[in-house]
């Protein structure tokens, strides 16, 4: 998947300044920052998130109530 982002001028200037000081590119700097902020989700956990998205409100309520019963 590929995505194009537009960042505010303030962030672009800061990225360009930091990249110039570090000898890298602003694009790489911002990509690295995004990767650090959004680490990959392990496959098993992704499956659990998908299941939660598909669950009905009633299913989620029953699950929540079952946690209180333990």
PDB file of N, CA and C in Angstrom:
ATOM      1  N   UNK A   1       0.848  -1.170   0.000  1.00  0.00           N
ATOM      2  CA  UNK A   1       0.000   0.000   0.000  1.00  0.00           C
ATOM      3  C   UNK A   1       0.893   1.233   0.000  1.00  0.00           C
ATOM      4  N   UNK A   2       0.484   2.205  -0.732  1.00  0.00           N
ATOM      5  CA  UNK A   2       1.223   3.465  -0.793  1.00  0.00           C
ATOM      6  C   UNK A   2       0.270   4.587  -0.428  1.00  0.00           C
ATOM      7  N   UNK A   3       0.793   5.606   0.243  1.00  0.00           N
ATOM      8  CA  UNK A   3      -0.038   6.716   0.682  1.00  0.00           C
ATOM      9  C   UNK A   3       0.770   8.001   0.570  1.00  0.00           C
ATOM     10  N   UNK A   4       0.119   9.052   0.171  1.00  0.00           N
ATOM     11  CA  UNK A   4       0.756  10.366   0.106  1.00  0.00           C
ATOM     12  C   UNK A   4       0.136  11.240   1.189  1.00  0.00           C
ATOM     13  N   UNK A   5       0.984  11.853   1.989  1.00  0.00           N
ATOM     14  CA  UNK A   5       0.516  12.721   3.069  1.00  0.00           C
ATOM     15  C   UNK A   5       0.953  14.153   2.812  1.00  0.00           C
ATOM     16  N   UNK A   6       0.111  15.084   3.210  1.00  0.00           N
ATOM     17  CA  UNK A   6       0.471  16.491   3.186  1.00  0.00           C
ATOM     18  C   UNK A   6       0.611  16.927   4.642  1.00  0.00           C
ATOM     19  N   UNK A   7       1.767  17.471   4.983  1.00  0.00           N
ATOM     20  CA  UNK A   7       1.992  17.896   6.367  1.00  0.00           C
ATOM     21  C   UNK A   7       1.953  19.414   6.437  1.00  0.00           C
ATOM     22  N   UNK A   8       1.565  19.949   7.573  1.00  0.00           N
ATOM     23  CA  UNK A   8       1.564  21.403   7.735  1.00  0.00           C
ATOM     24  C   UNK A   8       2.972  21.981   7.542  1.00  0.00           C
ATOM     25  N   UNK A   9       3.026  23.227   7.102  1.00  0.00           N
ATOM     26  CA  UNK A   9       4.312  23.881   6.836  1.00  0.00           C
ATOM     27  C   UNK A   9       5.241  23.827   8.045  1.00  0.00           C
ATOM     28  N   UNK A  10       4.699  24.002   9.227  1.00  0.00           N
ATOM     29  CA  UNK A  10       5.523  24.004  10.447  1.00  0.00           C
ATOM     30  C   UNK A  10       6.247  22.660  10.611  1.00  0.00           C
ATOM     31  N   UNK A  11       5.537  21.568  10.369  1.00  0.00           N
ATOM     32  CA  UNK A  11       6.155  20.237  10.490  1.00  0.00           C
ATOM     33  C   UNK A  11       7.153  20.009   9.360  1.00  0.00           C
ATOM     34  N   UNK A  12       6.806  20.454   8.163  1.00  0.00           N
ATOM     35  CA  UNK A  12       7.722  20.297   7.022  1.00  0.00           C
ATOM     36  C   UNK A  12       9.026  21.044   7.278  1.00  0.00           C
ATOM     37  N   UNK A  13       8.925  22.263   7.785  1.00  0.00           N
ATOM     38  CA  UNK A  13      10.147  23.041   8.076  1.00  0.00           C
ATOM     39  C   UNK A  13      10.978  22.370   9.157  1.00  0.00           C
ATOM     40  N   UNK A  14      10.330  21.869  10.196  1.00  0.00           N
ATOM     41  CA  UNK A  14      11.059  21.199  11.276  1.00  0.00           C
ATOM     42  C   UNK A  14      11.737  19.932  10.753  1.00  0.00           C
ATOM     43  N   UNK A  15      11.046  19.184   9.914  1.00  0.00           N
ATOM     44  CA  UNK A  15      11.626  17.959   9.357  1.00  0.00           C
ATOM     45  C   UNK A  15      12.807  18.293   8.453  1.00  0.00           C
ATOM     46  N   UNK A  16      12.669  19.322   7.647  1.00  0.00           N
ATOM     47  CA  UNK A  16      13.772  19.727   6.771  1.00  0.00           C
ATOM     48  C   UNK A  16      14.980  20.175   7.589  1.00  0.00           C
ATOM     49  N   UNK A  17      14.739  20.920   8.665  1.00  0.00           N
ATOM     50  CA  UNK A  17      15.835  21.380   9.519  1.00  0.00           C
ATOM     51  C   UNK A  17      16.539  20.207  10.193  1.00  0.00           C
ATOM     52  N   UNK A  18      15.758  19.285  10.758  1.00  0.00           N
ATOM     53  CA  UNK A  18      16.351  18.129  11.427  1.00  0.00           C
ATOM     54  C   UNK A  18      17.083  17.233  10.429  1.00  0.00           C
ATOM     55  N   UNK A  19      16.514  17.068   9.242  1.00  0.00           N
ATOM     56  CA  UNK A  19      17.150  16.234   8.224  1.00  0.00           C
ATOM     57  C   UNK A  19      18.468  16.850   7.766  1.00  0.00           C
ATOM     58  N   UNK A  20      18.482  18.149   7.601  1.00  0.00           N
ATOM     59  CA  UNK A  20      19.718  18.835   7.193  1.00  0.00           C
ATOM     60  C   UNK A  20      20.804  18.625   8.235  1.00  0.00           C
ATOM     61  N   UNK A  21      20.445  18.722   9.495  1.00  0.00           N
ATOM     62  CA  UNK A  21      21.413  18.551  10.590  1.00  0.00           C
ATOM     63  C   UNK A  21      21.900  17.104  10.703  1.00  0.00           C
ATOM     64  N   UNK A  22      21.033  16.163  10.360  1.00  0.00           N
ATOM     65  CA  UNK A  22      21.415  14.758  10.507  1.00  0.00           C
ATOM     66  C   UNK A  22      21.955  14.150   9.212  1.00  0.00           C
ATOM     67  N   UNK A  23      21.856  14.893   8.123  1.00  0.00           N
ATOM     68  CA  UNK A  23      22.361  14.397   6.857  1.00  0.00           C
ATOM     69  C   UNK A  23      21.412  13.441   6.146  1.00  0.00           C
ATOM     70  N   UNK A  24      20.170  13.410   6.575  1.00  0.00           N
ATOM     71  CA  UNK A  24      19.183  12.533   5.954  1.00  0.00           C
ATOM     72  C   UNK A  24      18.160  13.331   5.162  1.00  0.00           C
ATOM     73  N   UNK A  25      17.113  12.656   4.760  1.00  0.00           N
ATOM     74  CA  UNK A  25      16.049  13.338   4.025  1.00  0.00           C
ATOM     75  C   UNK A  25      14.859  13.572   4.959  1.00  0.00           C
ATOM     76  N   UNK A  26      14.112  14.642   4.707  1.00  0.00           N
ATOM     77  CA  UNK A  26      12.927  14.886   5.537  1.00  0.00           C
ATOM     78  C   UNK A  26      11.899  13.751   5.402  1.00  0.00           C
ATOM     79  N   UNK A  27      11.798  13.181   4.205  1.00  0.00           N
ATOM     80  CA  UNK A  27      10.850  12.088   4.000  1.00  0.00           C
ATOM     81  C   UNK A  27      11.208  10.876   4.861  1.00  0.00           C
ATOM     82  N   UNK A  28      12.485  10.533   4.905  1.00  0.00           N
ATOM     83  CA  UNK A  28      12.930   9.390   5.711  1.00  0.00           C
ATOM     84  C   UNK A  28      12.714   9.681   7.190  1.00  0.00           C
ATOM     85  N   UNK A  29      13.009  10.896   7.611  1.00  0.00           N
ATOM     86  CA  UNK A  29      12.833  11.278   9.006  1.00  0.00           C
ATOM     87  C   UNK A  29      11.366  11.125   9.416  1.00  0.00           C
ATOM     88  N   UNK A  30      10.449  11.620   8.586  1.00  0.00           N
ATOM     89  CA  UNK A  30       9.027  11.525   8.909  1.00  0.00           C
ATOM     90  C   UNK A  30       8.533  10.080   8.839  1.00  0.00           C
ATOM     91  N   UNK A  31       9.021   9.312   7.887  1.00  0.00           N
ATOM     92  CA  UNK A  31       8.644   7.905   7.791  1.00  0.00           C
ATOM     93  C   UNK A  31       9.112   7.142   9.028  1.00  0.00           C
ATOM     94  N   UNK A  32      10.333   7.391   9.458  1.00  0.00           N
ATOM     95  CA  UNK A  32      10.847   6.737  10.665  1.00  0.00           C
ATOM     96  C   UNK A  32      10.020   7.123  11.890  1.00  0.00           C
ATOM     97  N   UNK A  33       9.608   8.388  11.974  1.00  0.00           N
ATOM     98  CA  UNK A  33       8.782   8.838  13.098  1.00  0.00           C
ATOM     99  C   UNK A  33       7.431   8.131  13.093  1.00  0.00           C
ATOM    100  N   UNK A  34       6.837   7.994  11.915  1.00  0.00           N
ATOM    101  CA  UNK A  34       5.553   7.294  11.821  1.00  0.00           C
ATOM    102  C   UNK A  34       5.695   5.820  12.176  1.00  0.00           C
ATOM    103  N   UNK A  35       6.762   5.191  11.714  1.00  0.00           N
ATOM    104  CA  UNK A  35       6.989   3.780  12.042  1.00  0.00           C
ATOM    105  C   UNK A  35       7.154   3.583  13.543  1.00  0.00           C
ATOM    106  N   UNK A  36       7.832   4.514  14.200  1.00  0.00           N
ATOM    107  CA  UNK A  36       8.027   4.409  15.649  1.00  0.00           C
ATOM    108  C   UNK A  36       6.705   4.609  16.391  1.00  0.00           C
ATOM    109  N   UNK A  37       5.851   5.467  15.850  1.00  0.00           N
ATOM    110  CA  UNK A  37       4.575   5.759  16.512  1.00  0.00           C
ATOM    111  C   UNK A  37       3.524   4.684  16.246  1.00  0.00           C
ATOM    112  N   UNK A  38       3.622   4.015  15.095  1.00  0.00           N
ATOM    113  CA  UNK A  38       2.669   2.977  14.716  1.00  0.00           C
ATOM    114  C   UNK A  38       3.404   1.667  14.426  1.00  0.00           C
ATOM    115  N   UNK A  39       3.873   0.995  15.476  1.00  0.00           N
ATOM    116  CA  UNK A  39       4.608  -0.257  15.249  1.00  0.00           C
ATOM    117  C   UNK A  39       3.686  -1.297  14.627  1.00  0.00           C
ATOM    118  N   UNK A  40       4.250  -2.278  13.930  1.00  0.00           N
ATOM    119  CA  UNK A  40       3.424  -3.326  13.326  1.00  0.00           C
ATOM    120  C   UNK A  40       2.628  -4.084  14.382  1.00  0.00           C
ATOM    121  N   UNK A  41       1.403  -4.447  14.021  1.00  0.00           N
ATOM    122  CA  UNK A  41       0.549  -5.213  14.929  1.00  0.00           C
ATOM    123  C   UNK A  41       0.782  -6.700  14.637  1.00  0.00           C
ATOM    124  N   UNK A  42       1.110  -7.489  15.662  1.00  0.00           N
ATOM    125  CA  UNK A  42       1.314  -8.922  15.439  1.00  0.00           C
ATOM    126  C   UNK A  42       0.076  -9.559  14.807  1.00  0.00           C
ATOM    127  N   UNK A  43       0.287 -10.554  13.955  1.00  0.00           N
ATOM    128  CA  UNK A  43      -0.797 -11.182  13.195  1.00  0.00           C
ATOM    129  C   UNK A  43      -1.941 -11.661  14.091  1.00  0.00           C
ATOM    130  N   UNK A  44      -1.634 -12.340  15.185  1.00  0.00           N
ATOM    131  CA  UNK A  44      -2.678 -12.839  16.079  1.00  0.00           C
ATOM    132  C   UNK A  44      -3.511 -11.723  16.676  1.00  0.00           C
ATOM    133  N   UNK A  45      -2.873 -10.641  17.016  1.00  0.00           N
ATOM    134  CA  UNK A  45      -3.586  -9.506  17.592  1.00  0.00           C
ATOM    135  C   UNK A  45      -4.449  -8.827  16.535  1.00  0.00           C
ATOM    136  N   UNK A  46      -3.951  -8.784  15.309  1.00  0.00           N
ATOM    137  CA  UNK A  46      -4.737  -8.202  14.217  1.00  0.00           C
ATOM    138  C   UNK A  46      -6.032  -9.002  14.031  1.00  0.00           C
ATOM    139  N   UNK A  47      -5.946 -10.329  14.150  1.00  0.00           N
ATOM    140  CA  UNK A  47      -7.140 -11.172  14.039  1.00  0.00           C
ATOM    141  C   UNK A  47      -8.138 -10.854  15.145  1.00  0.00           C
ATOM    142  N   UNK A  48      -7.645 -10.612  16.353  1.00  0.00           N
ATOM    143  CA  UNK A  48      -8.530 -10.261  17.467  1.00  0.00           C
ATOM    144  C   UNK A  48      -9.200  -8.914  17.224  1.00  0.00           C
ATOM    145  N   UNK A  49      -8.460  -7.935  16.723  1.00  0.00           N
ATOM    146  CA  UNK A  49      -9.043  -6.627  16.394  1.00  0.00           C
ATOM    147  C   UNK A  49     -10.133  -6.784  15.331  1.00  0.00           C
ATOM    148  N   UNK A  50      -9.863  -7.619  14.323  1.00  0.00           N
ATOM    149  CA  UNK A  50     -10.854  -7.860  13.268  1.00  0.00           C
ATOM    150  C   UNK A  50     -12.127  -8.470  13.846  1.00  0.00           C
ATOM    151  N   UNK A  51     -11.965  -9.420  14.769  1.00  0.00           N
ATOM    152  CA  UNK A  51     -13.122 -10.062  15.393  1.00  0.00           C
ATOM    153  C   UNK A  51     -13.932  -9.048  16.199  1.00  0.00           C
ATOM    154  N   UNK A  52     -13.252  -8.161  16.901  1.00  0.00           N
ATOM    155  CA  UNK A  52     -13.961  -7.127  17.661  1.00  0.00           C
ATOM    156  C   UNK A  52     -14.730  -6.189  16.739  1.00  0.00           C
ATOM    157  N   UNK A  53     -14.165  -5.877  15.593  1.00  0.00           N
ATOM    158  CA  UNK A  53     -14.843  -5.008  14.624  1.00  0.00           C
ATOM    159  C   UNK A  53     -16.117  -5.664  14.094  1.00  0.00           C
ATOM    160  N   UNK A  54     -16.100  -6.988  13.933  1.00  0.00           N
ATOM    161  CA  UNK A  54     -17.252  -7.713  13.388  1.00  0.00           C
ATOM    162  C   UNK A  54     -18.318  -7.998  14.455  1.00  0.00           C
ATOM    163  N   UNK A  55     -17.951  -7.929  15.723  1.00  0.00           N
ATOM    164  CA  UNK A  55     -18.879  -8.289  16.808  1.00  0.00           C
ATOM    165  C   UNK A  55     -20.003  -7.254  16.911  1.00  0.00           C
ATOM    166  N   UNK A  56     -21.187  -7.751  17.224  1.00  0.00           N
ATOM    167  CA  UNK A  56     -22.327  -6.854  17.434  1.00  0.00           C
ATOM    168  C   UNK A  56     -22.228  -6.219  18.823  1.00  0.00           C
ATOM    169  N   UNK A  57     -23.031  -5.198  19.043  1.00  0.00           N
ATOM    170  CA  UNK A  57     -23.064  -4.563  20.362  1.00  0.00           C
ATOM    171  C   UNK A  57     -23.484  -5.577  21.433  1.00  0.00           C
ATOM    172  N   UNK A  58     -24.427  -6.449  21.078  1.00  0.00           N
ATOM    173  CA  UNK A  58     -24.893  -7.461  22.030  1.00  0.00           C
ATOM    174  C   UNK A  58     -23.772  -8.436  22.381  1.00  0.00           C
ATOM    175  N   UNK A  59     -22.998  -8.838  21.363  1.00  0.00           N
ATOM    176  CA  UNK A  59     -21.860  -9.734  21.609  1.00  0.00           C
ATOM    177  C   UNK A  59     -20.860  -9.083  22.553  1.00  0.00           C
ATOM    178  N   UNK A  60     -20.575  -7.812  22.309  1.00  0.00           N
ATOM    179  CA  UNK A  60     -19.605  -7.104  23.149  1.00  0.00           C
ATOM    180  C   UNK A  60     -20.128  -6.946  24.575  1.00  0.00           C
ATOM    181  N   UNK A  61     -21.419  -6.686  24.723  1.00  0.00           N
ATOM    182  CA  UNK A  61     -22.008  -6.561  26.054  1.00  0.00           C
ATOM    183  C   UNK A  61     -21.926  -7.892  26.802  1.00  0.00           C
ATOM    184  N   UNK A  62     -22.247  -9.005  26.120  1.00  0.00           N
ATOM    185  CA  UNK A  62     -22.145 -10.334  26.760  1.00  0.00           C
ATOM    186  C   UNK A  62     -20.698 -10.616  27.182  1.00  0.00           C
ATOM    187  N   UNK A  63     -19.752 -10.266  26.314  1.00  0.00           N
ATOM    188  CA  UNK A  63     -18.340 -10.484  26.640  1.00  0.00           C
ATOM    189  C   UNK A  63     -17.945  -9.665  27.870  1.00  0.00           C
ATOM    190  N   UNK A  64     -18.340  -8.392  27.891  1.00  0.00           N
ATOM    191  CA  UNK A  64     -18.032  -7.529  29.028  1.00  0.00           C
ATOM    192  C   UNK A  64     -18.643  -8.070  30.305  1.00  0.00           C
ATOM    193  N   UNK A  65     -19.868  -8.534  30.228  1.00  0.00           N
ATOM    194  CA  UNK A  65     -20.540  -9.090  31.413  1.00  0.00           C
ATOM    195  C   UNK A  65     -19.855 -10.373  31.873  1.00  0.00           C
ATOM    196  N   UNK A  66     -19.345 -11.159  30.936  1.00  0.00           N
ATOM    197  CA  UNK A  66     -18.647 -12.395  31.321  1.00  0.00           C
ATOM    198  C   UNK A  66     -17.358 -12.094  32.078  1.00  0.00           C
ATOM    199  N   UNK A  67     -16.733 -10.963  31.771  1.00  0.00           N
ATOM    200  CA  UNK A  67     -15.507 -10.581  32.487  1.00  0.00           C
ATOM    201  C   UNK A  67     -15.820 -10.251  33.943  1.00  0.00           C
ATOM    202  N   UNK A  68     -16.960  -9.633  34.184  1.00  0.00           N
ATOM    203  CA  UNK A  68     -17.360  -9.294  35.537  1.00  0.00           C
ATOM    204  C   UNK A  68     -17.759 -10.506  36.357  1.00  0.00           C
ATOM    205  N   UNK A  69     -18.123 -11.594  35.685  1.00  0.00           N
ATOM    206  CA  UNK A  69     -18.572 -12.799  36.377  1.00  0.00           C
ATOM    207  C   UNK A  69     -17.408 -13.621  36.911  1.00  0.00           C
ATOM    208  N   UNK A  70     -16.210 -13.326  36.449  1.00  0.00           N
ATOM    209  CA  UNK A  70     -15.040 -14.122  36.865  1.00  0.00           C
ATOM    210  C   UNK A  70     -14.509 -13.680  38.194  1.00  0.00           C
TER     211      UNK A  70
END
